[in-house]
Amino acid sequence: MENMKRELFGMPLPQMQTAFAELGLKKFRAKQVYDWLYQKSVFDFDRMSNLSKGERELLRQTFSLLPAEVKTVRRLDSADGLTQKILLELPDGNAIETVLMHHDYGYSVCVSSQAGCDMHCAFCASGLNGAVRNLTAAEILTQVYVFNAALFPEGQRVSRVVVMGSGEPMLNFDAVFEALQFLHQPEGANISYRNMTVSTCGIIPGIEKMKALGLPISLAVSLHAVRTELRNELMPVNKGYPFADVIAAAEAYARAGGRQVTYEYILLAGKNDSDTDAELLAEYLRFKQASVNLIPVNPVPEKGFFRPDRKRIEKFLSILQKRRIHATVRKEMGKDINAACGQLRASYKAKL
């Protein structure tokens, strides 16, 4: 039986140098390969022209490179050209989605942390088929580097990463933060921690672990309701981690690192968009290091939720602002290509 190849992608440089030395390769070869992978986004040993033919063959027999093995099975581009969503099929057949967004400050990528999701939020397509498994750090990194490879000819690269795709990042904590710390390395993607955001449904132990790491990574909390029965209905995670406790944990994170927490609040017509909901939200976030990102729901047909009209959205926003809560309505990107979490994967699985 042929030996399993070792995954090279995402391996830290010192570990790669050791692995190369064990093969009898010079230490500097590891740095050359590292530069091909992370500076030039080249994922084919045969294209690494400063290695000898024998060295390239040895590496090919010993290591796999995940970005070369994933397949882009769907790609959708928004009409304005600012958003691109791709569905990647992993070697084991699981599909994950990731989104590239072009902003005036550069490119950001929204990555998934799990194949599917087990949070079962009532308004979200990610959990329609449950969570299959956690993604590895290499699989998280790959979502960034497939776009870096596409941007390389333009002299561009991803400068911001948000872990806000399918899955609950705090349930895959080690792999998520291994990937983020790798992306931060100067010889890798060189992305500032301040340009990284991790979004959670409110897994308090994960927020506390994130605080203990002490990295200036932004925290976003999917809140979506501040009435217990309603949040239980919309987000079953509230039964284990009540939103008031989640806000307290998030505020502790904010005060420890001086980083304002963003609270995501999906507006669902007739559900959580009343004046009373806005007033309660303002009361819970009063005197907190917090901002609110209001998100008019991107309808998921299977769920039956609707978007409030413009007047209702503006009224909700004005109530927060009058109570001195920093709040904005999310700028929509990719609405025409189902850019909300899980929608592309769900439609793909439904056709299999």
Protein backbone atom coordinates (compact mmCIF):
# COMPACT_ATOMS: atom_id res chain seq x y z
CA MET A 1 0.00 0.00 0.00
CA GLU A 2 1.34 3.41 -1.00
CA ASN A 3 2.28 5.64 1.92
CA MET A 4 0.02 8.60 2.55
CA LYS A 5 1.56 11.87 1.48
CA ARG A 6 2.13 14.48 4.15
CA GLU A 7 0.28 17.80 3.71
CA LEU A 8 2.82 20.57 3.14
CA PHE A 9 0.41 23.48 2.80
CA GLY A 10 0.12 25.43 6.05
CA MET A 11 3.23 23.86 7.57
CA PRO A 12 5.27 26.49 9.49
CA LEU A 13 8.66 27.26 7.98
CA PRO A 14 10.78 25.76 10.83
CA GLN A 15 8.79 22.52 10.59
CA MET A 16 9.16 22.53 6.82
CA GLN A 17 12.93 22.99 7.15
CA THR A 18 13.09 19.98 9.46
CA ALA A 19 10.96 17.89 7.09
CA PHE A 20 13.17 18.82 4.14
CA ALA A 21 16.34 18.01 6.08
CA GLU A 22 14.93 14.55 6.82
CA LEU A 23 14.70 14.06 3.05
CA GLY A 24 18.31 15.14 2.62
CA LEU A 25 17.42 18.53 1.17
CA LYS A 26 19.26 21.73 2.03
CA LYS A 27 17.58 24.02 4.56
CA PHE A 28 17.32 26.93 2.10
CA ARG A 29 15.15 24.78 -0.19
CA ALA A 30 12.34 25.03 2.34
CA LYS A 31 12.46 28.82 2.18
CA GLN A 32 12.35 28.68 -1.61
CA VAL A 33 9.27 26.45 -1.56
CA TYR A 34 7.73 28.62 1.14
CA ASP A 35 8.10 31.68 -1.10
CA TRP A 36 6.57 29.87 -4.07
CA LEU A 37 3.56 28.88 -2.00
CA TYR A 38 2.86 32.04 -0.03
CA GLN A 39 4.48 34.88 -1.98
CA LYS A 40 3.70 33.72 -5.51
CA SER A 41 0.71 31.43 -4.84
CA VAL A 42 2.20 28.61 -6.89
CA PHE A 43 0.90 25.20 -5.80
CA ASP A 44 2.62 22.94 -8.32
CA PHE A 45 6.11 21.60 -7.56
CA ASP A 46 6.86 21.38 -11.29
CA ARG A 47 6.55 25.16 -11.60
CA MET A 48 9.10 25.82 -8.84
CA SER A 49 11.89 26.54 -11.31
CA ASN A 50 14.73 27.13 -8.84
CA LEU A 51 14.53 23.51 -7.65
CA SER A 52 16.18 20.70 -9.55
CA LYS A 53 14.06 18.12 -11.39
CA GLY A 54 15.08 15.47 -8.85
CA GLU A 55 14.15 17.69 -5.91
CA ARG A 56 10.76 18.49 -7.44
CA GLU A 57 10.07 14.80 -7.97
CA LEU A 58 11.07 13.94 -4.40
CA LEU A 59 8.75 16.62 -3.03
CA ARG A 60 5.90 15.47 -5.25
CA GLN A 61 6.27 11.90 -4.02
CA THR A 62 6.44 12.96 -0.36
CA PHE A 63 4.03 15.87 0.04
CA SER A 64 0.59 16.95 -1.08
CA LEU A 65 -0.44 20.57 -1.69
CA LEU A 66 -4.09 21.06 -0.80
CA PRO A 67 -4.82 24.12 -3.01
CA ALA A 68 -3.87 22.03 -6.04
CA GLU A 69 -6.31 19.29 -5.00
CA VAL A 70 -9.44 21.35 -4.34
CA LYS A 71 -11.87 21.88 -7.20
CA THR A 72 -13.90 25.00 -7.81
CA VAL A 73 -17.28 23.45 -8.59
CA ARG A 74 -19.27 26.69 -8.61
CA ARG A 75 -18.34 30.32 -9.12
CA LEU A 76 -20.71 33.26 -9.00
CA ASP A 77 -19.80 36.87 -9.74
CA SER A 78 -21.97 39.79 -8.67
CA ALA A 79 -23.24 42.15 -11.35
CA ASP A 80 -21.19 45.04 -9.91
CA GLY A 81 -17.99 42.99 -10.09
CA LEU A 82 -17.20 43.56 -6.41
CA THR A 83 -18.10 40.14 -5.01
CA GLN A 84 -17.13 36.64 -6.06
CA LYS A 85 -18.34 33.50 -4.36
CA ILE A 86 -16.86 30.07 -4.97
CA LEU A 87 -17.77 26.60 -3.83
CA LEU A 88 -14.71 24.41 -3.30
CA GLU A 89 -14.86 20.64 -3.31
CA LEU A 90 -12.29 19.13 -0.95
CA PRO A 91 -10.48 15.85 -1.71
CA ASP A 92 -12.91 13.95 0.54
CA GLY A 93 -15.91 15.24 -1.41
CA ASN A 94 -17.10 17.82 1.13
CA ALA A 95 -17.95 21.26 -0.23
CA ILE A 96 -17.14 24.59 1.42
CA GLU A 97 -17.85 28.10 0.29
CA THR A 98 -15.84 31.27 0.50
CA VAL A 99 -16.41 34.83 -0.65
CA LEU A 100 -14.04 37.48 -2.02
CA MET A 101 -15.11 41.11 -1.63
CA HIS A 102 -13.45 44.10 -3.28
CA HIS A 103 -13.59 47.20 -1.09
CA ASP A 104 -12.05 50.62 -1.58
CA TYR A 105 -9.28 49.58 0.86
CA GLY A 106 -8.52 46.27 -0.88
CA TYR A 107 -9.73 42.69 -0.82
CA SER A 108 -11.30 40.74 2.02
CA VAL A 109 -12.18 37.06 2.16
CA CYS A 110 -14.97 35.51 4.21
CA VAL A 111 -13.94 31.97 5.08
CA SER A 112 -15.82 28.95 6.43
CA SER A 113 -14.59 27.11 9.53
CA GLN A 114 -16.68 23.95 9.21
CA ALA A 115 -18.29 21.94 6.43
CA GLY A 116 -21.86 22.84 7.31
CA CYS A 117 -22.96 23.99 10.76
CA ASP A 118 -24.69 22.55 13.82
CA MET A 119 -25.93 25.82 15.33
CA HIS A 120 -29.32 25.51 13.58
CA CYS A 121 -30.05 29.24 13.52
CA ALA A 122 -33.56 29.56 12.15
CA PHE A 123 -32.71 32.12 9.45
CA CYS A 124 -29.45 30.62 8.14
CA ALA A 125 -28.81 28.23 5.25
CA SER A 126 -25.50 26.95 6.66
CA GLY A 127 -27.17 24.48 9.00
CA LEU A 128 -29.70 23.02 6.58
CA ASN A 129 -27.70 19.80 6.37
CA GLY A 130 -25.91 20.01 9.74
CA ALA A 131 -22.16 20.03 10.29
CA VAL A 132 -20.19 17.26 8.62
CA ARG A 133 -16.83 18.05 10.23
CA ASN A 134 -14.37 20.72 11.27
CA LEU A 135 -12.04 22.09 8.65
CA THR A 136 -8.29 21.75 9.08
CA ALA A 137 -6.06 24.81 9.29
CA ALA A 138 -4.83 24.01 5.76
CA GLU A 139 -8.42 23.98 4.48
CA ILE A 140 -9.09 27.36 6.07
CA LEU A 141 -5.88 28.79 4.62
CA THR A 142 -6.70 27.38 1.19
CA GLN A 143 -9.81 29.56 1.02
CA VAL A 144 -7.59 32.63 1.21
CA TYR A 145 -4.86 31.43 -1.13
CA VAL A 146 -7.09 30.33 -4.00
CA PHE A 147 -8.07 33.98 -4.24
CA ASN A 148 -4.49 35.17 -3.74
CA ALA A 149 -3.53 33.01 -6.73
CA ALA A 150 -6.26 34.63 -8.83
CA LEU A 151 -5.26 38.14 -7.71
CA PHE A 152 -1.49 37.60 -8.14
CA PRO A 153 -1.34 38.58 -11.85
CA GLU A 154 -2.92 41.94 -10.90
CA GLY A 155 -0.32 42.51 -8.21
CA GLN A 156 -3.02 42.28 -5.56
CA ARG A 157 -3.64 40.02 -2.58
CA VAL A 158 -6.09 39.55 0.25
CA SER A 159 -5.56 42.03 3.09
CA ARG A 160 -8.49 41.20 5.41
CA VAL A 161 -9.99 37.92 6.61
CA VAL A 162 -13.30 37.38 8.33
CA VAL A 163 -14.20 33.96 9.76
CA MET A 164 -17.88 34.44 9.15
CA GLY A 165 -18.77 31.78 6.59
CA SER A 166 -20.33 28.42 7.30
CA GLY A 167 -19.72 26.89 10.72
CA GLU A 168 -19.13 28.08 14.28
CA PRO A 169 -15.45 29.09 14.58
CA MET A 170 -15.31 28.62 18.36
CA LEU A 171 -16.16 24.93 17.91
CA ASN A 172 -13.07 24.62 15.72
CA PHE A 173 -10.95 26.99 17.76
CA ASP A 174 -7.50 25.44 17.39
CA ALA A 175 -7.60 25.14 13.59
CA VAL A 176 -9.12 28.60 13.11
CA PHE A 177 -6.54 30.39 15.21
CA GLU A 178 -3.68 28.30 13.83
CA ALA A 179 -4.73 29.49 10.38
CA LEU A 180 -5.04 33.13 11.47
CA GLN A 181 -1.64 33.13 13.14
CA PHE A 182 -0.15 31.61 10.00
CA LEU A 183 -1.74 34.34 7.84
CA HIS A 184 -0.22 36.95 10.14
CA GLN A 185 3.36 35.79 9.51
CA PRO A 186 5.37 38.39 7.54
CA GLU A 187 6.78 35.74 5.20
CA GLY A 188 3.27 34.39 4.63
CA ALA A 189 0.23 36.55 3.90
CA ASN A 190 1.41 39.31 6.27
CA ILE A 191 -2.15 40.18 7.30
CA SER A 192 -2.43 42.34 10.42
CA TYR A 193 -4.38 40.84 13.32
CA ARG A 194 -6.35 44.08 13.32
CA ASN A 195 -7.58 43.14 9.85
CA MET A 196 -9.00 39.83 11.09
CA THR A 197 -12.45 39.20 12.53
CA VAL A 198 -13.90 36.08 14.10
CA SER A 199 -17.67 35.79 14.38
CA THR A 200 -19.43 33.58 16.93
CA CYS A 201 -23.02 32.70 17.79
CA GLY A 202 -22.00 33.12 21.43
CA ILE A 203 -19.83 30.17 22.50
CA ILE A 204 -18.56 31.70 25.72
CA PRO A 205 -15.61 29.31 26.33
CA GLY A 206 -14.32 30.23 22.87
CA ILE A 207 -14.57 33.95 23.61
CA GLU A 208 -12.65 33.36 26.84
CA LYS A 209 -9.95 31.36 25.01
CA MET A 210 -9.72 34.13 22.43
CA LYS A 211 -9.24 36.63 25.26
CA ALA A 212 -6.49 34.45 26.78
CA LEU A 213 -4.61 34.43 23.46
CA GLY A 214 -4.25 38.19 23.72
CA LEU A 215 -4.22 38.83 19.98
CA PRO A 216 -5.83 42.06 18.68
CA ILE A 217 -8.31 40.17 16.50
CA SER A 218 -11.77 41.69 16.20
CA LEU A 219 -14.69 39.82 17.72
CA ALA A 220 -18.16 39.79 16.18
CA VAL A 221 -21.15 38.30 17.99
CA SER A 222 -24.24 37.08 16.17
CA LEU A 223 -26.90 38.41 18.52
CA HIS A 224 -30.10 38.82 16.48
CA ALA A 225 -32.49 39.06 19.44
CA VAL A 226 -32.52 40.35 23.02
CA ARG A 227 -35.69 38.63 24.19
CA THR A 228 -34.96 35.20 25.66
CA GLU A 229 -37.85 33.28 24.12
CA LEU A 230 -37.28 34.81 20.71
CA ARG A 231 -33.53 34.19 20.74
CA ASN A 232 -34.17 30.61 21.87
CA GLU A 233 -36.41 30.25 18.82
CA LEU A 234 -34.03 31.92 16.39
CA MET A 235 -30.77 30.65 17.88
CA PRO A 236 -30.95 27.45 19.96
CA VAL A 237 -27.42 28.16 21.23
CA ASN A 238 -29.06 30.72 23.54
CA LYS A 239 -30.33 27.86 25.73
CA GLY A 240 -26.75 26.93 26.58
CA TYR A 241 -25.19 30.38 26.44
CA PRO A 242 -27.82 33.06 27.26
CA PHE A 243 -27.28 36.29 25.39
CA ALA A 244 -26.76 38.41 28.54
CA ASP A 245 -23.85 36.15 29.53
CA VAL A 246 -22.51 36.30 25.97
CA ILE A 247 -22.56 40.11 26.03
CA ALA A 248 -20.72 40.06 29.38
CA ALA A 249 -18.02 37.75 27.97
CA ALA A 250 -17.69 39.86 24.83
CA GLU A 251 -17.40 43.05 26.90
CA ALA A 252 -14.62 41.42 28.95
CA TYR A 253 -12.84 40.66 25.67
CA ALA A 254 -13.29 44.25 24.51
CA ARG A 255 -11.94 45.73 27.74
CA ALA A 256 -8.97 43.35 27.84
CA GLY A 257 -7.81 44.22 24.34
CA GLY A 258 -9.32 47.62 23.69
CA ARG A 259 -11.12 46.26 20.63
CA GLN A 260 -14.75 47.23 20.11
CA VAL A 261 -17.07 44.25 19.65
CA THR A 262 -19.44 44.19 16.70
CA TYR A 263 -22.89 42.78 17.36
CA GLU A 264 -24.53 41.37 14.25
CA TYR A 265 -28.30 41.80 14.24
CA ILE A 266 -30.32 40.32 11.36
CA LEU A 267 -33.57 42.21 10.87
CA LEU A 268 -36.51 39.86 10.33
CA ALA A 269 -39.81 41.49 9.44
CA GLY A 270 -42.37 41.11 12.20
CA LYS A 271 -39.99 39.08 14.38
CA ASN A 272 -37.23 41.18 15.91
CA ASP A 273 -37.56 44.57 14.23
CA SER A 274 -40.00 46.42 16.51
CA ASP A 275 -39.31 49.68 18.34
CA THR A 276 -39.30 47.67 21.58
CA ASP A 277 -36.61 45.33 20.22
CA ALA A 278 -34.46 48.32 19.30
CA GLU A 279 -34.92 49.90 22.73
CA LEU A 280 -34.04 46.64 24.50
CA LEU A 281 -30.96 46.19 22.34
CA ALA A 282 -29.82 49.72 23.16
CA GLU A 283 -30.33 49.07 26.86
CA TYR A 284 -28.26 45.86 26.86
CA LEU A 285 -25.40 47.54 24.99
CA ARG A 286 -25.47 50.78 26.96
CA PHE A 287 -21.98 51.85 28.09
CA LYS A 288 -20.44 48.85 26.30
CA GLN A 289 -17.51 48.96 23.86
CA ALA A 290 -19.89 47.94 21.13
CA SER A 291 -21.19 48.69 17.68
CA VAL A 292 -24.22 47.17 15.99
CA ASN A 293 -24.25 45.94 12.41
CA LEU A 294 -27.86 45.72 11.22
CA ILE A 295 -28.39 43.16 8.48
CA PRO A 296 -31.70 43.11 6.60
CA VAL A 297 -32.24 39.39 6.10
CA ASN A 298 -31.11 37.83 2.84
CA PRO A 299 -34.17 35.60 2.40
CA VAL A 300 -33.71 31.83 2.52
CA PRO A 301 -36.76 30.23 0.87
CA GLU A 302 -36.62 27.18 3.12
CA LYS A 303 -36.91 29.33 6.24
CA GLY A 304 -39.78 31.68 5.39
CA PHE A 305 -38.30 34.93 6.75
CA PHE A 306 -38.80 38.31 5.12
CA ARG A 307 -36.93 41.59 5.00
CA PRO A 308 -38.39 44.67 6.72
CA ASP A 309 -39.19 47.63 4.51
CA ARG A 310 -36.84 50.58 4.33
CA LYS A 311 -38.84 52.74 6.76
CA ARG A 312 -38.78 50.05 9.44
CA ILE A 313 -35.02 49.55 9.02
CA GLU A 314 -34.40 53.30 9.27
CA LYS A 315 -36.61 53.58 12.37
CA PHE A 316 -34.77 50.72 14.12
CA LEU A 317 -31.44 52.36 13.28
CA SER A 318 -32.56 55.78 14.50
CA ILE A 319 -33.68 54.40 17.87
CA LEU A 320 -30.22 52.92 18.45
CA GLN A 321 -28.45 56.07 17.36
CA LYS A 322 -30.61 58.30 19.56
CA ARG A 323 -29.57 56.15 22.50
CA ARG A 324 -25.91 56.68 21.56
CA ILE A 325 -25.30 53.19 20.25
CA HIS A 326 -22.97 53.20 17.28
CA ALA A 327 -24.95 51.39 14.59
CA THR A 328 -24.89 51.00 10.84
CA VAL A 329 -26.80 49.05 8.23
CA ARG A 330 -24.51 46.58 6.50
CA LYS A 331 -23.55 47.51 2.98
CA GLU A 332 -24.90 44.65 0.92
CA MET A 333 -22.45 42.86 -1.30
CA GLY A 334 -23.27 39.87 -3.44
CA LYS A 335 -27.01 39.80 -2.79
CA ASP A 336 -27.58 38.80 -6.42
CA ILE A 337 -25.28 35.75 -6.08
CA ASN A 338 -26.61 34.29 -2.83
CA ALA A 339 -23.63 35.51 -0.83
CA ALA A 340 -25.28 34.81 2.52
CA CYS A 341 -23.70 31.99 4.50
CA GLY A 342 -24.48 28.50 3.28
CA GLN A 343 -26.77 29.37 0.38
CA LEU A 344 -24.49 28.20 -2.42
CA ARG A 345 -23.49 25.01 -0.61
CA ALA A 346 -27.12 24.23 0.23
CA SER A 347 -28.26 24.64 -3.36
CA TYR A 348 -25.35 22.53 -4.59
CA LYS A 349 -26.08 19.67 -2.17
CA ALA A 350 -29.76 19.75 -3.09
CA LYS A 351 -28.86 18.95 -6.71
CA LEU A 352 -26.51 16.07 -5.90
